[in-house]
Amino acid sequence: MAVGAKGFIRLSWISFSLLAAQVGFSAHAVSLSIPPLMTAPEMLVQLNQQLILTKNAPATLNYWCKGILADEHGVEVSKSDDAHPAASDEIRKLLGVDAATPVQYLKLNYQCHHKVIAVFEHWYLPQLLPAKVKQLLLQDSVSLGRELRRAGFYRQSISNKPMWPDSGALPTFVLQHQALWYRSDKTPFSLVNEHYTRQLLPLAQQGQVSPY
């Protein structure tokens, strides 16, 4: 029996939920009642809930890439060579440092099927960076958030903002999160702006910019 696009979305979400439960997301799982036909905004709402409750964006993106977008290789991370914007006064205030304190910038692209599904911008304090993580950042493919978690840092959400319209073509970015990373002693280390793209949707991956 043929499965339509929305039916595929529903089946994919069920697969993702089962996968998440198997790998330990169950402790943070969202109680969901999945409708037979899921629209693009509904999918994004579910993803947003997972991002908020798991507090682990790289892992959530990886499971989404494998379970929803059917990429067996999972997410690939790469550094961006774009210009490095200086830390604003607001960023320095959130990090608790003055204008003389060095703040470095790192921009990472998360890709699935060679299409960018998320862009993370990190402003961080290099003097607080563990030596092991500093070495890993020399590589072209490394998730800073994942390595910080392994080093005992923790993430605290500041805001999350849905950016999709009620109808019509989806914008390039459909979700935006902002969070602070802290050392285990509660010292602020990094501000991260997380921008999630419409390529998170199966129909957008197929070239549709209005996948409603």
N, C-alpha and C. Protein backbone atom coordinates (compact mmCIF):
# COMPACT_ATOMS: atom_id res chain seq x y z
N MET A 1 0.85 -1.19 0.00
CA MET A 1 0.00 0.00 0.00
C MET A 1 0.88 1.23 0.00
N ALA A 2 0.58 2.18 -0.85
CA ALA A 2 1.37 3.40 -0.94
C ALA A 2 1.13 4.27 0.28
N VAL A 3 2.16 4.94 0.73
CA VAL A 3 2.05 5.84 1.88
C VAL A 3 2.29 7.25 1.39
N GLY A 4 1.34 8.15 1.61
CA GLY A 4 1.48 9.54 1.20
C GLY A 4 2.52 10.25 2.02
N ALA A 5 2.79 11.51 1.65
CA ALA A 5 3.83 12.28 2.33
C ALA A 5 3.53 12.46 3.80
N LYS A 6 2.26 12.81 4.12
CA LYS A 6 1.93 13.01 5.53
C LYS A 6 1.93 11.69 6.29
N GLY A 7 1.51 10.61 5.58
CA GLY A 7 1.58 9.31 6.22
C GLY A 7 3.01 8.93 6.52
N PHE A 8 3.91 9.27 5.59
CA PHE A 8 5.33 9.01 5.81
C PHE A 8 5.84 9.77 7.02
N ILE A 9 5.39 11.02 7.16
CA ILE A 9 5.81 11.83 8.30
C ILE A 9 5.38 11.18 9.60
N ARG A 10 4.13 10.68 9.64
CA ARG A 10 3.63 10.04 10.85
C ARG A 10 4.43 8.79 11.17
N LEU A 11 4.67 7.94 10.16
CA LEU A 11 5.44 6.73 10.38
C LEU A 11 6.86 7.05 10.81
N SER A 12 7.43 8.08 10.22
CA SER A 12 8.79 8.48 10.57
C SER A 12 8.86 8.93 12.01
N TRP A 13 7.84 9.70 12.46
CA TRP A 13 7.85 10.17 13.84
C TRP A 13 7.74 9.02 14.82
N ILE A 14 6.90 8.02 14.49
CA ILE A 14 6.78 6.86 15.36
C ILE A 14 8.13 6.15 15.46
N SER A 15 8.81 6.00 14.32
CA SER A 15 10.13 5.37 14.32
C SER A 15 11.10 6.16 15.18
N PHE A 16 11.05 7.50 15.07
CA PHE A 16 11.93 8.36 15.87
C PHE A 16 11.64 8.19 17.35
N SER A 17 10.35 8.12 17.73
CA SER A 17 9.98 7.98 19.13
C SER A 17 10.50 6.67 19.70
N LEU A 18 10.39 5.59 18.91
CA LEU A 18 10.88 4.30 19.36
C LEU A 18 12.39 4.32 19.51
N LEU A 19 13.07 4.93 18.54
CA LEU A 19 14.52 5.03 18.60
C LEU A 19 14.95 5.84 19.81
N ALA A 20 14.26 6.95 20.06
CA ALA A 20 14.61 7.80 21.20
C ALA A 20 14.47 7.03 22.50
N ALA A 21 13.40 6.23 22.61
CA ALA A 21 13.19 5.46 23.82
C ALA A 21 14.31 4.45 24.02
N GLN A 22 14.78 3.85 22.93
CA GLN A 22 15.82 2.83 23.02
C GLN A 22 17.15 3.42 23.46
N VAL A 23 17.40 4.67 23.12
CA VAL A 23 18.72 5.24 23.42
C VAL A 23 18.73 6.13 24.65
N GLY A 24 17.63 6.15 25.39
CA GLY A 24 17.67 6.86 26.66
C GLY A 24 16.92 8.16 26.72
N PHE A 25 16.16 8.51 25.69
CA PHE A 25 15.37 9.73 25.74
C PHE A 25 14.12 9.56 26.59
N SER A 26 13.79 8.33 26.96
CA SER A 26 12.51 8.08 27.62
C SER A 26 12.36 8.88 28.90
N ALA A 27 13.45 9.13 29.60
CA ALA A 27 13.36 9.88 30.85
C ALA A 27 12.91 11.30 30.63
N HIS A 28 13.12 11.81 29.40
CA HIS A 28 12.76 13.19 29.10
C HIS A 28 11.66 13.25 28.05
N ALA A 29 11.01 12.12 27.77
CA ALA A 29 10.10 12.06 26.63
C ALA A 29 8.90 12.96 26.82
N VAL A 30 8.42 13.49 25.71
CA VAL A 30 7.20 14.28 25.72
C VAL A 30 6.02 13.35 25.57
N SER A 31 4.96 13.56 26.35
CA SER A 31 3.75 12.77 26.20
C SER A 31 3.02 13.24 24.95
N LEU A 32 2.96 12.39 23.94
CA LEU A 32 2.46 12.81 22.64
C LEU A 32 1.25 12.00 22.23
N SER A 33 0.34 12.68 21.55
CA SER A 33 -0.76 12.02 20.87
C SER A 33 -0.65 12.42 19.41
N ILE A 34 -0.05 11.55 18.60
CA ILE A 34 0.27 11.89 17.23
C ILE A 34 -0.96 11.73 16.34
N PRO A 35 -1.39 12.79 15.66
CA PRO A 35 -2.53 12.68 14.76
C PRO A 35 -2.17 11.87 13.52
N PRO A 36 -3.17 11.32 12.83
CA PRO A 36 -2.89 10.53 11.63
C PRO A 36 -2.12 11.32 10.58
N LEU A 37 -2.43 12.60 10.41
CA LEU A 37 -1.75 13.44 9.44
C LEU A 37 -1.08 14.58 10.18
N MET A 38 0.22 14.69 10.04
CA MET A 38 0.95 15.71 10.78
C MET A 38 1.43 16.79 9.82
N THR A 39 1.09 18.03 10.12
CA THR A 39 1.52 19.15 9.29
C THR A 39 2.95 19.55 9.66
N ALA A 40 3.53 20.40 8.82
CA ALA A 40 4.88 20.89 9.10
C ALA A 40 4.97 21.60 10.45
N PRO A 41 4.04 22.53 10.78
CA PRO A 41 4.11 23.16 12.09
C PRO A 41 4.01 22.16 13.24
N GLU A 42 3.17 21.13 13.08
CA GLU A 42 3.04 20.12 14.15
C GLU A 42 4.35 19.37 14.35
N MET A 43 5.02 19.05 13.25
CA MET A 43 6.32 18.39 13.37
C MET A 43 7.32 19.28 14.09
N LEU A 44 7.31 20.57 13.75
CA LEU A 44 8.25 21.49 14.36
C LEU A 44 7.96 21.70 15.84
N VAL A 45 6.68 21.68 16.21
CA VAL A 45 6.31 21.77 17.63
C VAL A 45 6.88 20.58 18.39
N GLN A 46 6.74 19.38 17.80
CA GLN A 46 7.25 18.18 18.47
C GLN A 46 8.77 18.24 18.60
N LEU A 47 9.44 18.68 17.55
CA LEU A 47 10.90 18.81 17.62
C LEU A 47 11.30 19.83 18.67
N ASN A 48 10.60 20.95 18.72
CA ASN A 48 10.89 21.99 19.70
C ASN A 48 10.76 21.45 21.12
N GLN A 49 9.72 20.65 21.36
CA GLN A 49 9.54 20.06 22.69
C GLN A 49 10.70 19.14 23.04
N GLN A 50 11.13 18.34 22.07
CA GLN A 50 12.25 17.44 22.33
C GLN A 50 13.53 18.23 22.65
N LEU A 51 13.76 19.29 21.90
CA LEU A 51 14.96 20.10 22.13
C LEU A 51 14.94 20.73 23.52
N ILE A 52 13.76 21.19 23.94
CA ILE A 52 13.64 21.83 25.25
C ILE A 52 13.84 20.83 26.38
N LEU A 53 13.20 19.68 26.27
CA LEU A 53 13.18 18.74 27.38
C LEU A 53 14.44 17.89 27.47
N THR A 54 15.05 17.55 26.35
CA THR A 54 16.27 16.74 26.42
C THR A 54 17.49 17.57 26.78
N LYS A 55 17.46 18.88 26.45
CA LYS A 55 18.59 19.77 26.70
C LYS A 55 19.87 19.25 26.04
N ASN A 56 19.69 18.52 24.94
CA ASN A 56 20.82 17.93 24.24
C ASN A 56 20.57 18.05 22.75
N ALA A 57 20.83 19.23 22.20
CA ALA A 57 20.51 19.51 20.80
C ALA A 57 21.27 18.61 19.82
N PRO A 58 22.59 18.41 19.97
CA PRO A 58 23.29 17.55 19.01
C PRO A 58 22.72 16.14 18.93
N ALA A 59 22.41 15.55 20.09
CA ALA A 59 21.86 14.19 20.10
C ALA A 59 20.47 14.17 19.49
N THR A 60 19.64 15.17 19.82
CA THR A 60 18.30 15.25 19.26
C THR A 60 18.35 15.37 17.74
N LEU A 61 19.24 16.22 17.24
CA LEU A 61 19.40 16.38 15.79
C LEU A 61 19.86 15.09 15.14
N ASN A 62 20.74 14.37 15.80
CA ASN A 62 21.25 13.12 15.23
C ASN A 62 20.15 12.08 15.11
N TYR A 63 19.33 11.94 16.16
CA TYR A 63 18.24 10.97 16.12
C TYR A 63 17.17 11.40 15.12
N TRP A 64 16.95 12.70 15.01
CA TRP A 64 15.98 13.22 14.02
C TRP A 64 16.47 12.92 12.61
N CYS A 65 17.76 13.14 12.39
CA CYS A 65 18.35 12.90 11.07
C CYS A 65 18.21 11.43 10.68
N LYS A 66 18.45 10.54 11.62
CA LYS A 66 18.36 9.11 11.32
C LYS A 66 16.91 8.63 11.26
N GLY A 67 16.10 9.06 12.23
CA GLY A 67 14.75 8.52 12.35
C GLY A 67 13.72 9.17 11.47
N ILE A 68 13.81 10.49 11.28
CA ILE A 68 12.82 11.22 10.49
C ILE A 68 13.29 11.40 9.05
N LEU A 69 14.54 11.77 8.88
CA LEU A 69 15.05 12.07 7.54
C LEU A 69 15.74 10.87 6.90
N ALA A 70 15.80 9.76 7.63
CA ALA A 70 16.27 8.48 7.09
C ALA A 70 17.68 8.55 6.51
N ASP A 71 18.57 9.23 7.22
CA ASP A 71 19.98 9.26 6.85
C ASP A 71 20.73 8.35 7.82
N GLU A 72 21.12 7.18 7.36
CA GLU A 72 21.73 6.19 8.24
C GLU A 72 23.05 6.67 8.84
N HIS A 73 23.67 7.65 8.22
CA HIS A 73 24.95 8.15 8.72
C HIS A 73 24.79 9.16 9.85
N GLY A 74 23.59 9.69 10.01
CA GLY A 74 23.36 10.68 11.05
C GLY A 74 23.92 12.05 10.69
N VAL A 75 23.94 12.92 11.68
CA VAL A 75 24.35 14.30 11.47
C VAL A 75 25.86 14.42 11.24
N GLU A 76 26.23 15.29 10.32
CA GLU A 76 27.62 15.64 10.12
C GLU A 76 27.82 17.10 10.54
N VAL A 77 28.89 17.36 11.26
CA VAL A 77 29.16 18.71 11.78
C VAL A 77 30.40 19.27 11.09
N SER A 78 30.32 20.54 10.70
CA SER A 78 31.48 21.18 10.07
C SER A 78 31.57 22.63 10.51
N LYS A 79 32.80 23.13 10.60
CA LYS A 79 33.01 24.53 10.94
C LYS A 79 32.68 25.41 9.75
N SER A 80 32.19 26.61 10.05
CA SER A 80 31.91 27.59 9.02
C SER A 80 33.06 28.58 8.94
N ASP A 81 33.38 29.01 7.73
CA ASP A 81 34.46 29.98 7.53
C ASP A 81 33.94 31.41 7.44
N ASP A 82 32.68 31.63 7.79
CA ASP A 82 32.10 32.97 7.73
C ASP A 82 32.86 33.92 8.66
N ALA A 83 32.64 35.21 8.44
CA ALA A 83 33.26 36.23 9.30
C ALA A 83 32.87 36.01 10.76
N HIS A 84 33.79 36.31 11.64
CA HIS A 84 33.56 36.11 13.07
C HIS A 84 33.08 37.41 13.72
N PRO A 85 31.81 37.51 14.05
CA PRO A 85 31.31 38.74 14.68
C PRO A 85 31.83 38.87 16.11
N ALA A 86 32.13 40.08 16.50
CA ALA A 86 32.60 40.33 17.86
C ALA A 86 31.45 40.14 18.85
N ALA A 87 31.80 39.78 20.06
CA ALA A 87 30.79 39.63 21.11
C ALA A 87 30.19 40.98 21.46
N SER A 88 28.88 41.06 21.47
CA SER A 88 28.19 42.30 21.80
C SER A 88 28.25 42.55 23.31
N ASP A 89 27.85 43.74 23.71
CA ASP A 89 27.79 44.06 25.14
C ASP A 89 26.83 43.12 25.86
N GLU A 90 25.73 42.78 25.19
CA GLU A 90 24.74 41.87 25.79
C GLU A 90 25.34 40.49 26.03
N ILE A 91 26.09 40.00 25.04
CA ILE A 91 26.73 38.69 25.19
C ILE A 91 27.73 38.71 26.34
N ARG A 92 28.53 39.77 26.41
CA ARG A 92 29.52 39.87 27.49
C ARG A 92 28.83 39.94 28.85
N LYS A 93 27.69 40.60 28.90
CA LYS A 93 26.96 40.68 30.16
C LYS A 93 26.47 39.30 30.58
N LEU A 94 25.95 38.52 29.62
CA LEU A 94 25.47 37.17 29.93
C LEU A 94 26.62 36.27 30.37
N LEU A 95 27.80 36.49 29.80
CA LEU A 95 28.97 35.69 30.18
C LEU A 95 29.65 36.22 31.43
N GLY A 96 29.25 37.40 31.88
CA GLY A 96 29.81 37.96 33.10
C GLY A 96 31.22 38.46 32.96
N VAL A 97 31.57 39.01 31.76
CA VAL A 97 32.93 39.50 31.53
C VAL A 97 32.89 40.93 31.01
N ASP A 98 34.03 41.62 31.14
CA ASP A 98 34.11 43.00 30.67
C ASP A 98 34.67 43.06 29.25
N ALA A 99 34.82 44.27 28.73
CA ALA A 99 35.24 44.47 27.34
C ALA A 99 36.67 44.01 27.08
N ALA A 100 37.48 43.88 28.14
CA ALA A 100 38.88 43.49 27.96
C ALA A 100 39.07 41.98 27.93
N THR A 101 38.06 41.23 28.30
CA THR A 101 38.18 39.77 28.36
C THR A 101 38.04 39.15 26.97
N PRO A 102 38.97 38.29 26.56
CA PRO A 102 38.86 37.64 25.24
C PRO A 102 37.62 36.75 25.15
N VAL A 103 36.88 36.92 24.07
CA VAL A 103 35.72 36.06 23.77
C VAL A 103 35.89 35.57 22.33
N GLN A 104 35.90 34.27 22.16
CA GLN A 104 36.07 33.70 20.82
C GLN A 104 34.73 33.24 20.24
N TYR A 105 34.71 33.11 18.91
CA TYR A 105 33.49 32.78 18.18
C TYR A 105 33.70 31.49 17.38
N LEU A 106 32.70 30.64 17.40
CA LEU A 106 32.73 29.40 16.63
C LEU A 106 31.36 29.16 16.02
N LYS A 107 31.33 28.97 14.71
CA LYS A 107 30.07 28.71 14.00
C LYS A 107 30.12 27.30 13.42
N LEU A 108 29.11 26.50 13.75
CA LEU A 108 29.06 25.11 13.31
C LEU A 108 27.80 24.85 12.48
N ASN A 109 27.97 24.13 11.38
CA ASN A 109 26.84 23.70 10.55
C ASN A 109 26.56 22.22 10.81
N TYR A 110 25.30 21.91 11.08
CA TYR A 110 24.87 20.52 11.24
C TYR A 110 24.12 20.11 9.98
N GLN A 111 24.59 19.04 9.32
CA GLN A 111 24.03 18.64 8.04
C GLN A 111 23.45 17.23 8.10
N CYS A 112 22.39 17.04 7.32
CA CYS A 112 21.77 15.73 7.14
C CYS A 112 21.48 15.58 5.65
N HIS A 113 21.89 14.49 5.05
CA HIS A 113 21.80 14.34 3.59
C HIS A 113 22.51 15.50 2.88
N HIS A 114 23.60 15.99 3.48
CA HIS A 114 24.41 17.08 2.91
C HIS A 114 23.64 18.40 2.83
N LYS A 115 22.57 18.52 3.59
CA LYS A 115 21.82 19.78 3.65
C LYS A 115 21.85 20.29 5.09
N VAL A 116 22.03 21.60 5.25
CA VAL A 116 22.17 22.18 6.59
C VAL A 116 20.82 22.19 7.30
N ILE A 117 20.75 21.49 8.43
CA ILE A 117 19.51 21.46 9.21
C ILE A 117 19.59 22.36 10.43
N ALA A 118 20.80 22.79 10.81
CA ALA A 118 20.94 23.70 11.95
C ALA A 118 22.29 24.41 11.87
N VAL A 119 22.30 25.63 12.39
CA VAL A 119 23.53 26.43 12.48
C VAL A 119 23.66 26.91 13.93
N PHE A 120 24.77 26.58 14.57
CA PHE A 120 25.00 26.97 15.95
C PHE A 120 26.12 28.01 15.99
N GLU A 121 25.86 29.12 16.67
CA GLU A 121 26.87 30.16 16.87
C GLU A 121 27.26 30.18 18.35
N HIS A 122 28.52 29.93 18.62
CA HIS A 122 29.03 29.92 19.99
C HIS A 122 29.95 31.12 20.22
N TRP A 123 29.72 31.84 21.30
CA TRP A 123 30.68 32.82 21.82
C TRP A 123 31.16 32.25 23.16
N TYR A 124 32.46 32.01 23.28
CA TYR A 124 32.93 31.32 24.48
C TYR A 124 34.21 31.96 25.02
N LEU A 125 34.50 31.62 26.27
CA LEU A 125 35.67 32.15 26.95
C LEU A 125 36.81 31.14 26.83
N PRO A 126 37.80 31.41 25.98
CA PRO A 126 38.85 30.41 25.71
C PRO A 126 39.67 30.06 26.95
N GLN A 127 39.78 30.99 27.89
CA GLN A 127 40.58 30.72 29.08
C GLN A 127 39.94 29.67 29.98
N LEU A 128 38.64 29.39 29.77
CA LEU A 128 37.95 28.38 30.57
C LEU A 128 37.80 27.06 29.83
N LEU A 129 38.35 26.98 28.63
CA LEU A 129 38.18 25.79 27.81
C LEU A 129 39.12 24.68 28.29
N PRO A 130 38.59 23.50 28.61
CA PRO A 130 39.46 22.38 29.00
C PRO A 130 40.45 22.04 27.89
N ALA A 131 41.64 21.64 28.27
CA ALA A 131 42.70 21.36 27.28
C ALA A 131 42.27 20.31 26.26
N LYS A 132 41.56 19.28 26.71
CA LYS A 132 41.13 18.22 25.80
C LYS A 132 40.15 18.75 24.76
N VAL A 133 39.21 19.58 25.20
CA VAL A 133 38.23 20.15 24.27
C VAL A 133 38.92 21.12 23.32
N LYS A 134 39.90 21.86 23.82
CA LYS A 134 40.65 22.80 22.97
C LYS A 134 41.32 22.06 21.82
N GLN A 135 41.88 20.88 22.12
CA GLN A 135 42.51 20.09 21.07
C GLN A 135 41.48 19.59 20.06
N LEU A 136 40.32 19.19 20.55
CA LEU A 136 39.27 18.68 19.66
C LEU A 136 38.77 19.77 18.72
N LEU A 137 38.77 21.02 19.20
CA LEU A 137 38.28 22.13 18.37
C LEU A 137 39.20 22.43 17.19
N LEU A 138 40.39 21.86 17.20
CA LEU A 138 41.29 22.02 16.06
C LEU A 138 40.83 21.19 14.86
N GLN A 139 39.96 20.22 15.12
CA GLN A 139 39.43 19.38 14.05
C GLN A 139 38.36 20.13 13.27
N ASP A 140 38.14 19.70 12.03
CA ASP A 140 37.13 20.34 11.19
C ASP A 140 35.72 19.93 11.57
N SER A 141 35.57 18.76 12.18
CA SER A 141 34.25 18.24 12.50
C SER A 141 34.17 17.90 13.98
N VAL A 142 33.58 18.79 14.75
CA VAL A 142 33.41 18.56 16.18
C VAL A 142 32.21 19.34 16.69
N SER A 143 31.41 18.71 17.53
CA SER A 143 30.27 19.38 18.15
C SER A 143 30.70 19.90 19.51
N LEU A 144 30.77 21.23 19.65
CA LEU A 144 31.24 21.81 20.91
C LEU A 144 30.32 21.41 22.06
N GLY A 145 29.01 21.47 21.84
CA GLY A 145 28.07 21.11 22.90
C GLY A 145 28.26 19.70 23.40
N ARG A 146 28.45 18.77 22.49
CA ARG A 146 28.66 17.37 22.88
C ARG A 146 29.91 17.22 23.73
N GLU A 147 30.99 17.88 23.32
CA GLU A 147 32.25 17.75 24.05
C GLU A 147 32.17 18.45 25.41
N LEU A 148 31.45 19.56 25.48
CA LEU A 148 31.29 20.25 26.76
C LEU A 148 30.52 19.37 27.74
N ARG A 149 29.49 18.70 27.25
CA ARG A 149 28.70 17.82 28.11
C ARG A 149 29.60 16.70 28.67
N ARG A 150 30.43 16.15 27.82
CA ARG A 150 31.34 15.09 28.26
C ARG A 150 32.33 15.60 29.30
N ALA A 151 32.66 16.90 29.22
CA ALA A 151 33.63 17.49 30.15
C ALA A 151 32.97 17.97 31.45
N GLY A 152 31.67 17.72 31.60
CA GLY A 152 30.99 18.08 32.84
C GLY A 152 30.31 19.43 32.84
N PHE A 153 30.29 20.12 31.70
CA PHE A 153 29.57 21.38 31.59
C PHE A 153 28.07 21.10 31.47
N TYR A 154 27.26 22.10 31.74
CA TYR A 154 25.81 21.92 31.57
C TYR A 154 25.20 23.13 30.86
N ARG A 155 24.07 22.89 30.22
CA ARG A 155 23.41 23.88 29.37
C ARG A 155 22.13 24.37 30.03
N GLN A 156 21.90 25.67 30.01
CA GLN A 156 20.67 26.26 30.55
C GLN A 156 20.01 27.12 29.48
N SER A 157 18.77 26.80 29.15
CA SER A 157 18.06 27.51 28.10
C SER A 157 17.70 28.93 28.54
N ILE A 158 17.83 29.88 27.60
CA ILE A 158 17.41 31.26 27.83
C ILE A 158 16.09 31.53 27.13
N SER A 159 15.97 31.09 25.88
CA SER A 159 14.75 31.34 25.12
C SER A 159 14.62 30.35 23.98
N ASN A 160 13.39 30.17 23.50
CA ASN A 160 13.16 29.43 22.26
C ASN A 160 12.05 30.14 21.50
N LYS A 161 12.24 30.26 20.19
CA LYS A 161 11.35 31.09 19.38
C LYS A 161 10.95 30.37 18.10
N PRO A 162 9.67 29.94 17.99
CA PRO A 162 9.19 29.41 16.71
C PRO A 162 9.16 30.52 15.67
N MET A 163 9.54 30.21 14.43
CA MET A 163 9.64 31.24 13.40
C MET A 163 8.89 30.87 12.12
N TRP A 164 8.03 29.83 12.18
CA TRP A 164 7.31 29.45 10.97
C TRP A 164 5.99 30.21 10.87
N PRO A 165 5.54 30.54 9.65
CA PRO A 165 4.27 31.24 9.46
C PRO A 165 3.09 30.27 9.50
N ASP A 166 1.88 30.81 9.56
CA ASP A 166 0.68 29.97 9.57
C ASP A 166 0.43 29.31 8.23
N SER A 167 0.92 29.91 7.16
CA SER A 167 0.73 29.34 5.83
C SER A 167 1.81 29.89 4.90
N GLY A 168 1.88 29.32 3.70
CA GLY A 168 2.84 29.80 2.72
C GLY A 168 4.21 29.18 2.88
N ALA A 169 5.17 29.74 2.16
CA ALA A 169 6.52 29.19 2.15
C ALA A 169 7.19 29.36 3.51
N LEU A 170 7.92 28.34 3.91
CA LEU A 170 8.66 28.41 5.16
C LEU A 170 9.91 29.26 4.99
N PRO A 171 10.29 30.03 6.01
CA PRO A 171 11.56 30.77 5.96
C PRO A 171 12.73 29.79 6.07
N THR A 172 13.91 30.28 5.80
CA THR A 172 15.09 29.42 5.91
C THR A 172 15.22 28.86 7.32
N PHE A 173 15.03 29.71 8.33
CA PHE A 173 15.12 29.28 9.73
C PHE A 173 13.73 29.20 10.33
N VAL A 174 13.42 28.06 10.95
CA VAL A 174 12.07 27.83 11.47
C VAL A 174 12.02 27.78 13.00
N LEU A 175 13.17 27.65 13.64
CA LEU A 175 13.25 27.65 15.10
C LEU A 175 14.54 28.35 15.51
N GLN A 176 14.48 29.03 16.65
CA GLN A 176 15.69 29.64 17.18
C GLN A 176 15.73 29.46 18.69
N HIS A 177 16.82 28.91 19.18
CA HIS A 177 17.02 28.73 20.61
C HIS A 177 18.27 29.51 21.04
N GLN A 178 18.26 29.96 22.28
CA GLN A 178 19.44 30.59 22.86
C GLN A 178 19.67 29.98 24.23
N ALA A 179 20.94 29.69 24.52
CA ALA A 179 21.25 29.03 25.79
C ALA A 179 22.64 29.44 26.27
N LEU A 180 22.88 29.21 27.55
CA LEU A 180 24.19 29.43 28.15
C LEU A 180 24.76 28.10 28.60
N TRP A 181 26.06 27.93 28.35
CA TRP A 181 26.78 26.78 28.89
C TRP A 181 27.56 27.22 30.13
N TYR A 182 27.52 26.38 31.17
CA TYR A 182 28.21 26.67 32.43
C TYR A 182 29.17 25.54 32.77
N ARG A 183 30.26 25.90 33.46
CA ARG A 183 31.10 24.89 34.08
C ARG A 183 30.35 24.29 35.27
N SER A 184 30.86 23.20 35.78
CA SER A 184 30.19 22.55 36.91
C SER A 184 30.12 23.43 38.14
N ASP A 185 31.02 24.44 38.23
CA ASP A 185 31.00 25.36 39.38
C ASP A 185 30.09 26.58 39.12
N LYS A 186 29.25 26.49 38.08
CA LYS A 186 28.25 27.51 37.72
C LYS A 186 28.86 28.78 37.10
N THR A 187 30.10 28.70 36.65
CA THR A 187 30.72 29.82 35.95
C THR A 187 30.27 29.82 34.49
N PRO A 188 29.70 30.93 33.99
CA PRO A 188 29.30 30.97 32.57
C PRO A 188 30.51 30.77 31.66
N PHE A 189 30.32 29.96 30.63
CA PHE A 189 31.41 29.67 29.70
C PHE A 189 31.09 30.10 28.27
N SER A 190 29.88 29.84 27.81
CA SER A 190 29.57 30.08 26.40
C SER A 190 28.10 30.43 26.21
N LEU A 191 27.86 31.38 25.31
CA LEU A 191 26.50 31.65 24.83
C LEU A 191 26.37 31.00 23.47
N VAL A 192 25.26 30.31 23.24
CA VAL A 192 25.04 29.68 21.94
C VAL A 192 23.69 30.10 21.38
N ASN A 193 23.70 30.55 20.14
CA ASN A 193 22.47 30.80 19.38
C ASN A 193 22.30 29.64 18.40
N GLU A 194 21.18 28.94 18.52
CA GLU A 194 20.92 27.76 17.69
C GLU A 194 19.83 28.10 16.68
N HIS A 195 20.16 28.01 15.40
CA HIS A 195 19.21 28.32 14.33
C HIS A 195 18.87 27.02 13.59
N TYR A 196 17.60 26.65 13.59
CA TYR A 196 17.16 25.40 12.97
C TYR A 196 16.45 25.70 11.65
N THR A 197 16.80 24.98 10.59
CA THR A 197 16.33 25.30 9.25
C THR A 197 15.16 24.42 8.81
N ARG A 198 14.50 24.84 7.74
CA ARG A 198 13.37 24.08 7.20
C ARG A 198 13.79 22.73 6.63
N GLN A 199 15.09 22.52 6.44
CA GLN A 199 15.57 21.23 5.95
C GLN A 199 15.38 20.11 6.96
N LEU A 200 14.90 20.45 8.15
CA LEU A 200 14.53 19.43 9.13
C LEU A 200 13.27 18.67 8.72
N LEU A 201 12.52 19.21 7.77
CA LEU A 201 11.27 18.60 7.32
C LEU A 201 11.52 17.72 6.09
N PRO A 202 10.97 16.51 6.07
CA PRO A 202 11.19 15.62 4.92
C PRO A 202 10.82 16.24 3.59
N LEU A 203 9.69 16.95 3.51
CA LEU A 203 9.27 17.53 2.24
C LEU A 203 10.19 18.67 1.81
N ALA A 204 10.73 19.40 2.77
CA ALA A 204 11.69 20.44 2.42
C ALA A 204 12.97 19.82 1.86
N GLN A 205 13.36 18.68 2.42
CA GLN A 205 14.54 17.97 1.89
C GLN A 205 14.32 17.56 0.43
N GLN A 206 13.05 17.36 0.07
CA GLN A 206 12.72 16.97 -1.31
C GLN A 206 12.57 18.18 -2.23
N GLY A 207 12.77 19.38 -1.70
CA GLY A 207 12.76 20.57 -2.55
C GLY A 207 11.54 21.45 -2.41
N GLN A 208 10.57 21.07 -1.55
CA GLN A 208 9.37 21.89 -1.38
C GLN A 208 9.62 22.94 -0.31
N VAL A 209 9.35 24.21 -0.63
CA VAL A 209 9.54 25.28 0.36
C VAL A 209 8.23 25.60 1.06
N SER A 210 7.14 24.97 0.64
CA SER A 210 5.84 25.17 1.30
C SER A 210 5.24 23.82 1.66
N PRO A 211 5.90 23.07 2.57
CA PRO A 211 5.48 21.70 2.87
C PRO A 211 4.36 21.64 3.91
N TYR A 212 3.19 22.19 3.58
CA TYR A 212 2.08 22.17 4.52
C TYR A 212 1.10 21.06 4.15
